[in-house]
Amino acid sequence: MPSSISSSENASAARIEPGQLGAQPYVRPLPDMRAGTAVVIGLVVFVMALAGWELYWRAWGSEPAIRNSPGLWAMQRRRIDNGEGHKTVIIGSSRMLFDVQLPVWEQLGGERPIQLAIEGTSPLPVMEQLADDPDFTGRLVVGVAPDLFFTGFTYLSDKYELYPKETPSERVAQWLSMTLLEPWLAYYDEDFALTKVLKRQPWPARKGVPDFLDVRKLAVTSADRNTHMWSKVENDPEYAALCQRIWAQDFGEVPFGSNEVLQKKIAGEIDRAVKAVARLRARGVSIVFVRAPTDADYRAFEDRWFPRATTWNVLLEKTGAPGIHFEDYPAMQGLRLPEWSHLAAADARKYTAALQPLVEQAFAAQRKGD
């Protein structure tokens, strides 16, 4: 038989008819394995990676602390709703959060205030929220960081926005986090998140994308939001210089692009404060404004665009509320501000010791005036 005919018949016999392929689908055989062994190996790898990440950040200077999260702020805010509305409440931005030490305040005055200051954020939204809350009948200490207060800048508005709409599951998650994780893990900080660490790497510059440095970790917080400067900011000159460079990014041109727009914004924020103070006073709440220390280039920036005469003085005049400005008191001079904007931990205690009696005097004068 010719070889060509034989090959043709063999090919015909091997041909698969339509539909045949779907009738018997191919099943890929899996190798034999022990699930328990795979689980153990996975757990070992996970624990080793987690331990390595934790040890890295501890060696870098981090320590376990409570995260200053929106849920933590909401926990303190609810204290007013739960029978503590008669207490002293502190609002403001990070200077009131870092610089006012609650243990020192409590030791001097017998009362531990409720700390509601929010870093990088004007206190006016919280002030207005308290003005509309009939449960709050206590005393209010309002921090004034000029570049935030008089511009209405709200970097972390999610903290006060969460409070009225926080769900039960979010409350439970906050409690679990600050009970089971935060007191034990040094890496469990927003600044050490992998995505942020990757973003900070020296990647090649992209055309049209500004090289802007994000604010880094500055402080350590406890469960009632008492906060003090992180030791690395105080003791590591290179890290402190990095923090200074981050602040200096905003020290250039006039805010909002023109002085005319800036002045309108300042006037508008002062008007907001006047209205909020009026509502609070109508309910018997005493109010004191506080201007915390700043230094070097940061202070020069504030003095240039937010001079005392046209901001602080006008605020006190129009609201009729007393104010405590660090420039007026010798005990508030010469304090150490490693990155120009916040006090070193020991100096924050000194500052609080000087501030608390002055606040009490201002409150007493208001009660006498009433």
Protein backbone atom coordinates (compact mmCIF):
# COMPACT_ATOMS: atom_id res chain seq x y z
CA MET A 1 0.00 0.00 0.00
CA PRO A 2 1.37 3.42 -0.90
CA SER A 3 2.60 5.33 2.08
CA SER A 4 0.54 8.41 1.10
CA ILE A 5 -2.78 6.45 1.33
CA SER A 6 -1.80 4.93 4.68
CA SER A 7 -0.98 8.37 6.14
CA SER A 8 -4.30 9.82 4.93
CA GLU A 9 -6.33 6.99 6.52
CA ASN A 10 -4.48 7.37 9.85
CA ALA A 11 -5.10 11.14 9.90
CA SER A 12 -8.80 10.58 9.21
CA ALA A 13 -9.05 8.08 12.04
CA ALA A 14 -7.37 10.49 14.46
CA ARG A 15 -9.60 13.42 13.50
CA ILE A 16 -11.97 14.62 16.32
CA GLU A 17 -15.53 15.14 15.22
CA PRO A 18 -17.39 18.35 16.20
CA GLY A 19 -18.80 18.13 19.75
CA GLN A 20 -16.40 15.40 20.80
CA LEU A 21 -14.01 17.83 22.62
CA GLY A 22 -16.75 19.19 24.89
CA ALA A 23 -18.03 15.76 25.76
CA GLN A 24 -14.97 14.90 27.86
CA PRO A 25 -13.40 18.14 29.30
CA TYR A 26 -9.79 18.01 30.35
CA VAL A 27 -9.30 17.94 34.11
CA ARG A 28 -5.88 19.07 35.30
CA PRO A 29 -4.60 16.75 38.02
CA LEU A 30 -3.42 18.52 41.20
CA PRO A 31 -0.42 17.30 43.10
CA ASP A 32 -1.00 15.69 46.46
CA MET A 33 -0.53 18.16 49.30
CA ARG A 34 -1.18 18.55 52.99
CA ALA A 35 -3.32 21.60 53.71
CA GLY A 36 -2.09 21.80 57.29
CA THR A 37 1.53 22.08 56.17
CA ALA A 38 0.66 24.90 53.75
CA VAL A 39 -1.17 26.79 56.48
CA VAL A 40 1.76 26.46 58.89
CA ILE A 41 4.24 27.65 56.24
CA GLY A 42 2.01 30.62 55.42
CA LEU A 43 1.70 31.57 59.08
CA VAL A 44 5.45 31.31 59.64
CA VAL A 45 6.17 33.55 56.64
CA PHE A 46 3.53 36.05 57.80
CA VAL A 47 4.88 36.20 61.36
CA MET A 48 8.47 36.58 60.16
CA ALA A 49 7.54 39.40 57.79
CA LEU A 50 5.45 41.16 60.47
CA ALA A 51 8.21 40.80 63.06
CA GLY A 52 10.77 42.18 60.62
CA TRP A 53 8.60 45.20 59.83
CA GLU A 54 7.97 45.82 63.53
CA LEU A 55 11.66 45.54 64.48
CA TYR A 56 12.63 47.88 61.64
CA TRP A 57 10.41 50.70 62.88
CA ARG A 58 11.36 50.17 66.52
CA ALA A 59 15.03 50.46 65.53
CA TRP A 60 14.14 53.66 63.67
CA GLY A 61 12.76 55.17 66.87
CA SER A 62 9.05 54.41 66.84
CA GLU A 63 7.16 53.12 69.85
CA PRO A 64 3.64 51.74 70.41
CA ALA A 65 1.03 54.45 70.84
CA ILE A 66 -2.65 55.08 70.31
CA ARG A 67 -3.48 56.26 66.79
CA ASN A 68 -4.96 59.74 66.67
CA SER A 69 -7.79 58.57 64.45
CA PRO A 70 -11.21 60.08 63.69
CA GLY A 71 -12.71 57.33 65.87
CA LEU A 72 -10.57 58.40 68.83
CA TRP A 73 -11.66 62.01 68.36
CA ALA A 74 -15.30 60.89 68.24
CA MET A 75 -14.85 58.98 71.52
CA GLN A 76 -13.73 62.16 73.26
CA ARG A 77 -16.42 64.25 71.58
CA ARG A 78 -19.14 61.89 72.87
CA ARG A 79 -18.06 62.59 76.43
CA ILE A 80 -19.95 65.88 76.13
CA ASP A 81 -23.11 63.97 75.21
CA ASN A 82 -22.60 61.51 78.06
CA GLY A 83 -22.71 63.90 80.99
CA GLU A 84 -19.40 65.81 80.76
CA GLY A 85 -20.68 68.85 78.91
CA HIS A 86 -19.84 71.07 81.88
CA LYS A 87 -16.10 70.45 81.55
CA THR A 88 -13.30 72.50 80.02
CA VAL A 89 -12.86 71.66 76.34
CA ILE A 90 -9.75 72.40 74.28
CA ILE A 91 -10.03 72.99 70.55
CA GLY A 92 -7.52 74.27 68.03
CA SER A 93 -4.94 72.75 65.73
CA SER A 94 -1.83 70.70 66.45
CA ARG A 95 -0.23 73.30 68.73
CA MET A 96 -3.05 72.98 71.25
CA LEU A 97 -2.90 69.20 70.83
CA PHE A 98 0.86 68.84 71.28
CA ASP A 99 1.63 71.77 73.58
CA VAL A 100 -1.13 71.49 76.19
CA GLN A 101 -0.35 68.61 78.52
CA LEU A 102 -3.47 67.27 80.22
CA PRO A 103 -1.70 65.74 83.27
CA VAL A 104 -0.10 69.10 84.10
CA TRP A 105 -3.40 70.90 83.63
CA GLU A 106 -5.16 68.40 85.87
CA GLN A 107 -2.47 68.65 88.55
CA LEU A 108 -2.79 72.44 88.69
CA GLY A 109 -6.54 72.83 88.29
CA GLY A 110 -8.01 69.54 89.50
CA GLU A 111 -9.74 68.92 86.19
CA ARG A 112 -8.57 67.04 83.09
CA PRO A 113 -9.92 68.84 80.01
CA ILE A 114 -11.49 67.16 77.01
CA GLN A 115 -8.97 67.39 74.18
CA LEU A 116 -10.65 68.06 70.82
CA ALA A 117 -7.90 69.91 68.96
CA ILE A 118 -7.25 68.61 65.42
CA GLU A 119 -3.88 68.87 63.71
CA GLY A 120 -3.62 70.98 60.57
CA THR A 121 -7.23 72.14 60.90
CA SER A 122 -9.01 75.35 61.85
CA PRO A 123 -11.01 74.99 65.09
CA LEU A 124 -13.92 77.04 63.76
CA PRO A 125 -15.98 74.08 62.44
CA VAL A 126 -15.71 72.36 65.84
CA MET A 127 -16.46 75.66 67.58
CA GLU A 128 -19.62 76.02 65.49
CA GLN A 129 -20.55 72.41 66.21
CA LEU A 130 -20.23 73.04 69.96
CA ALA A 131 -22.19 76.29 69.62
CA ASP A 132 -25.11 74.25 68.27
CA ASP A 133 -24.86 71.56 70.97
CA PRO A 134 -27.06 72.29 74.01
CA ASP A 135 -25.22 69.58 75.96
CA PHE A 136 -22.10 71.73 76.05
CA THR A 137 -22.31 74.26 78.89
CA GLY A 138 -18.70 74.26 80.10
CA ARG A 139 -15.63 76.32 79.25
CA LEU A 140 -13.87 76.56 75.90
CA VAL A 141 -10.16 77.12 75.23
CA VAL A 142 -9.62 77.96 71.55
CA GLY A 143 -6.17 77.73 69.97
CA VAL A 144 -5.32 80.21 67.22
CA ALA A 145 -2.69 79.13 64.71
CA PRO A 146 -2.86 82.14 62.38
CA ASP A 147 -2.28 80.38 59.07
CA LEU A 148 -5.04 77.88 59.83
CA PHE A 149 -7.54 79.84 61.91
CA PHE A 150 -7.68 82.91 59.66
CA THR A 151 -7.85 80.93 56.41
CA GLY A 152 -10.35 78.27 57.51
CA PHE A 153 -8.00 75.51 56.39
CA THR A 154 -9.31 72.03 57.26
CA TYR A 155 -6.72 69.33 56.60
CA LEU A 156 -8.40 66.61 58.70
CA SER A 157 -12.09 67.46 58.61
CA ASP A 158 -12.89 63.73 58.65
CA LYS A 159 -12.29 63.74 62.41
CA TYR A 160 -15.17 66.01 63.32
CA GLU A 161 -17.30 64.86 60.39
CA LEU A 162 -17.29 61.24 61.60
CA TYR A 163 -18.72 62.03 65.05
CA PRO A 164 -22.41 62.56 64.17
CA LYS A 165 -22.61 59.60 61.78
CA GLU A 166 -20.29 56.98 63.28
CA THR A 167 -21.84 53.50 63.02
CA PRO A 168 -21.81 50.84 65.76
CA SER A 169 -19.38 48.73 63.74
CA GLU A 170 -17.00 51.68 63.43
CA ARG A 171 -17.13 52.20 67.19
CA VAL A 172 -16.38 48.53 67.81
CA ALA A 173 -13.51 48.61 65.29
CA GLN A 174 -12.02 51.64 67.05
CA TRP A 175 -12.25 49.93 70.43
CA LEU A 176 -10.68 46.71 69.14
CA SER A 177 -7.87 48.59 67.41
CA MET A 178 -6.89 50.64 70.45
CA THR A 179 -7.19 47.61 72.74
CA LEU A 180 -5.61 44.79 70.77
CA LEU A 181 -3.21 46.44 68.30
CA GLU A 182 -2.17 50.01 69.00
CA PRO A 183 -0.67 49.56 72.51
CA TRP A 184 1.60 46.76 71.27
CA LEU A 185 2.73 47.56 67.72
CA ALA A 186 5.23 50.31 66.93
CA TYR A 187 4.68 50.10 63.15
CA TYR A 188 0.91 50.61 63.44
CA ASP A 189 1.07 54.28 62.54
CA GLU A 190 -0.29 56.05 59.48
CA ASP A 191 3.17 57.41 58.63
CA PHE A 192 4.58 53.88 58.38
CA ALA A 193 1.94 52.50 56.03
CA LEU A 194 3.53 50.68 53.12
CA THR A 195 1.86 52.90 50.52
CA LYS A 196 3.26 56.02 52.21
CA VAL A 197 6.70 54.50 52.57
CA LEU A 198 6.73 53.64 48.87
CA LYS A 199 5.55 57.13 47.95
CA ARG A 200 8.45 58.66 49.86
CA GLN A 201 11.09 56.76 47.91
CA PRO A 202 13.32 58.80 45.53
CA TRP A 203 11.42 57.94 42.37
CA PRO A 204 12.37 59.66 39.08
CA ALA A 205 10.68 63.05 38.78
CA ARG A 206 7.66 63.20 36.47
CA LYS A 207 7.15 66.24 34.30
CA GLY A 208 4.41 68.51 35.59
CA VAL A 209 4.08 66.72 38.94
CA PRO A 210 5.25 68.89 41.87
CA ASP A 211 7.67 67.30 44.34
CA PHE A 212 5.70 68.02 47.54
CA LEU A 213 6.65 66.48 50.88
CA ASP A 214 3.83 65.20 53.09
CA VAL A 215 3.73 65.97 56.81
CA ARG A 216 5.58 63.30 58.77
CA LYS A 217 5.03 61.75 62.20
CA LEU A 218 5.50 64.38 64.90
CA ALA A 219 3.85 63.19 68.10
CA VAL A 220 2.79 60.35 70.38
CA THR A 221 -0.82 60.09 71.59
CA SER A 222 -2.55 58.34 74.50
CA ALA A 223 -6.10 57.07 74.89
CA ASP A 224 -7.63 60.42 75.96
CA ARG A 225 -5.71 62.22 73.18
CA ASN A 226 -3.10 63.68 75.47
CA THR A 227 -0.25 64.17 73.01
CA HIS A 228 3.42 65.11 73.18
CA MET A 229 6.20 65.55 70.63
CA TRP A 230 7.86 62.37 69.39
CA SER A 231 11.37 62.00 70.76
CA LYS A 232 12.82 61.55 67.25
CA VAL A 233 11.78 65.10 66.34
CA GLU A 234 13.61 66.37 69.43
CA ASN A 235 16.72 64.21 69.28
CA ASP A 236 17.37 63.61 65.58
CA PRO A 237 18.57 66.88 63.93
CA GLU A 238 18.20 65.42 60.45
CA TYR A 239 14.58 64.45 61.05
CA ALA A 240 13.82 67.85 62.63
CA ALA A 241 15.34 69.54 59.58
CA LEU A 242 13.10 67.42 57.34
CA CYS A 243 10.06 68.62 59.29
CA GLN A 244 11.24 72.20 58.89
CA ARG A 245 11.54 71.74 55.12
CA ILE A 246 8.01 70.40 55.02
CA TRP A 247 6.64 73.50 56.76
CA ALA A 248 8.77 75.78 54.57
CA GLN A 249 6.95 74.56 51.45
CA ASP A 250 4.11 76.93 52.41
CA PHE A 251 6.25 79.96 53.25
CA GLY A 252 6.50 81.34 49.73
CA GLU A 253 3.90 83.45 48.04
CA VAL A 254 0.87 85.11 49.59
CA PRO A 255 -1.89 82.62 50.53
CA PHE A 256 -4.77 82.42 48.04
CA GLY A 257 -2.65 84.14 45.39
CA SER A 258 -3.31 87.76 46.38
CA ASN A 259 -3.38 89.88 49.49
CA GLU A 260 -6.85 91.16 48.62
CA VAL A 261 -8.32 87.66 48.61
CA LEU A 262 -6.43 86.82 51.81
CA GLN A 263 -7.84 89.85 53.65
CA LYS A 264 -11.39 88.92 52.63
CA LYS A 265 -10.79 85.39 53.88
CA ILE A 266 -9.45 86.65 57.21
CA ALA A 267 -12.46 88.92 57.66
CA GLY A 268 -14.82 86.06 56.87
CA GLU A 269 -13.23 83.69 59.38
CA ILE A 270 -13.31 86.35 62.10
CA ASP A 271 -16.99 86.86 61.35
CA ARG A 272 -17.58 83.12 61.78
CA ALA A 273 -15.86 83.28 65.17
CA VAL A 274 -17.96 86.27 66.26
CA LYS A 275 -21.19 84.42 65.51
CA ALA A 276 -20.06 81.22 67.21
CA VAL A 277 -18.91 83.09 70.32
CA ALA A 278 -22.26 84.87 70.54
CA ARG A 279 -24.16 81.56 70.44
CA LEU A 280 -21.88 79.99 73.04
CA ARG A 281 -22.10 82.95 75.40
CA ALA A 282 -25.88 82.96 75.13
CA ARG A 283 -25.74 79.52 76.75
CA GLY A 284 -23.33 80.63 79.46
CA VAL A 285 -20.13 79.18 77.96
CA SER A 286 -16.91 81.06 78.82
CA ILE A 287 -14.29 81.34 76.05
CA VAL A 288 -10.56 82.11 75.96
CA PHE A 289 -8.44 82.36 72.82
CA VAL A 290 -4.81 81.16 73.01
CA ARG A 291 -1.87 81.90 70.70
CA ALA A 292 0.83 79.26 71.23
CA PRO A 293 4.55 79.84 70.54
CA THR A 294 6.23 79.54 67.14
CA ASP A 295 9.81 80.20 66.13
CA ALA A 296 12.25 81.06 63.35
CA ASP A 297 10.98 80.85 59.76
CA TYR A 298 7.49 79.73 60.78
CA ARG A 299 7.00 82.75 63.01
CA ALA A 300 8.36 85.05 60.29
CA PHE A 301 5.84 83.60 57.83
CA GLU A 302 2.96 84.19 60.25
CA ASP A 303 4.08 87.72 61.06
CA ARG A 304 4.33 88.55 57.36
CA TRP A 305 0.88 87.43 56.23
CA PHE A 306 -1.08 87.29 59.50
CA PRO A 307 0.28 90.17 61.62
CA ARG A 308 -1.05 90.41 65.14
CA ALA A 309 -2.55 93.87 64.65
CA THR A 310 -4.86 92.81 61.80
CA THR A 311 -5.74 89.30 62.93
CA TRP A 312 -5.39 88.45 66.62
CA ASN A 313 -6.23 91.94 67.91
CA VAL A 314 -9.24 92.20 65.62
CA LEU A 315 -10.47 88.76 66.67
CA LEU A 316 -10.42 89.72 70.37
CA GLU A 317 -11.99 93.12 69.72
CA LYS A 318 -14.88 91.81 67.64
CA THR A 319 -15.66 88.73 69.73
CA GLY A 320 -15.15 90.51 73.06
CA ALA A 321 -13.40 87.36 74.33
CA PRO A 322 -10.11 87.41 76.28
CA GLY A 323 -6.91 86.13 74.73
CA ILE A 324 -3.55 84.81 75.90
CA HIS A 325 -0.69 85.49 73.47
CA PHE A 326 2.68 83.87 74.15
CA GLU A 327 4.50 87.10 73.31
CA ASP A 328 3.05 88.79 76.39
CA TYR A 329 4.35 86.42 79.07
CA PRO A 330 8.00 85.88 80.08
CA ALA A 331 7.30 82.28 81.19
CA MET A 332 6.35 81.46 77.60
CA GLN A 333 9.59 82.78 76.12
CA GLY A 334 12.73 80.83 75.32
CA LEU A 335 10.98 77.50 74.93
CA ARG A 336 12.35 74.91 72.52
CA LEU A 337 10.53 74.29 69.25
CA PRO A 338 12.63 71.72 67.34
CA GLU A 339 10.73 72.12 64.07
CA TRP A 340 9.57 75.74 64.67
CA SER A 341 5.88 74.98 65.26
CA HIS A 342 5.53 72.68 68.31
CA LEU A 343 7.13 72.50 71.72
CA ALA A 344 9.49 69.78 72.86
CA ALA A 345 7.83 67.52 75.44
CA ALA A 346 9.53 69.00 78.51
CA ASP A 347 8.88 72.55 77.31
CA ALA A 348 5.24 71.70 76.62
CA ARG A 349 4.90 70.84 80.30
CA LYS A 350 6.46 74.19 81.24
CA TYR A 351 4.16 75.99 78.83
CA THR A 352 1.07 74.27 80.21
CA ALA A 353 2.12 75.18 83.75
CA ALA A 354 2.28 78.84 82.68
CA LEU A 355 -0.89 78.74 80.59
CA GLN A 356 -3.34 77.01 82.93
CA PRO A 357 -3.43 79.70 85.66
CA LEU A 358 -3.84 82.42 83.04
CA VAL A 359 -6.79 80.58 81.51
CA GLU A 360 -8.37 80.20 84.95
CA GLN A 361 -7.95 83.93 85.59
CA ALA A 362 -9.61 84.74 82.26
CA PHE A 363 -12.53 82.45 83.03
CA ALA A 364 -12.91 83.95 86.51
CA ALA A 365 -12.96 87.46 85.07
CA GLN A 366 -15.73 86.46 82.66
CA ARG A 367 -17.82 84.98 85.46
CA LYS A 368 -17.33 88.15 87.51
CA GLY A 369 -18.31 90.28 84.54
CA ASP A 370 -21.49 88.28 84.05
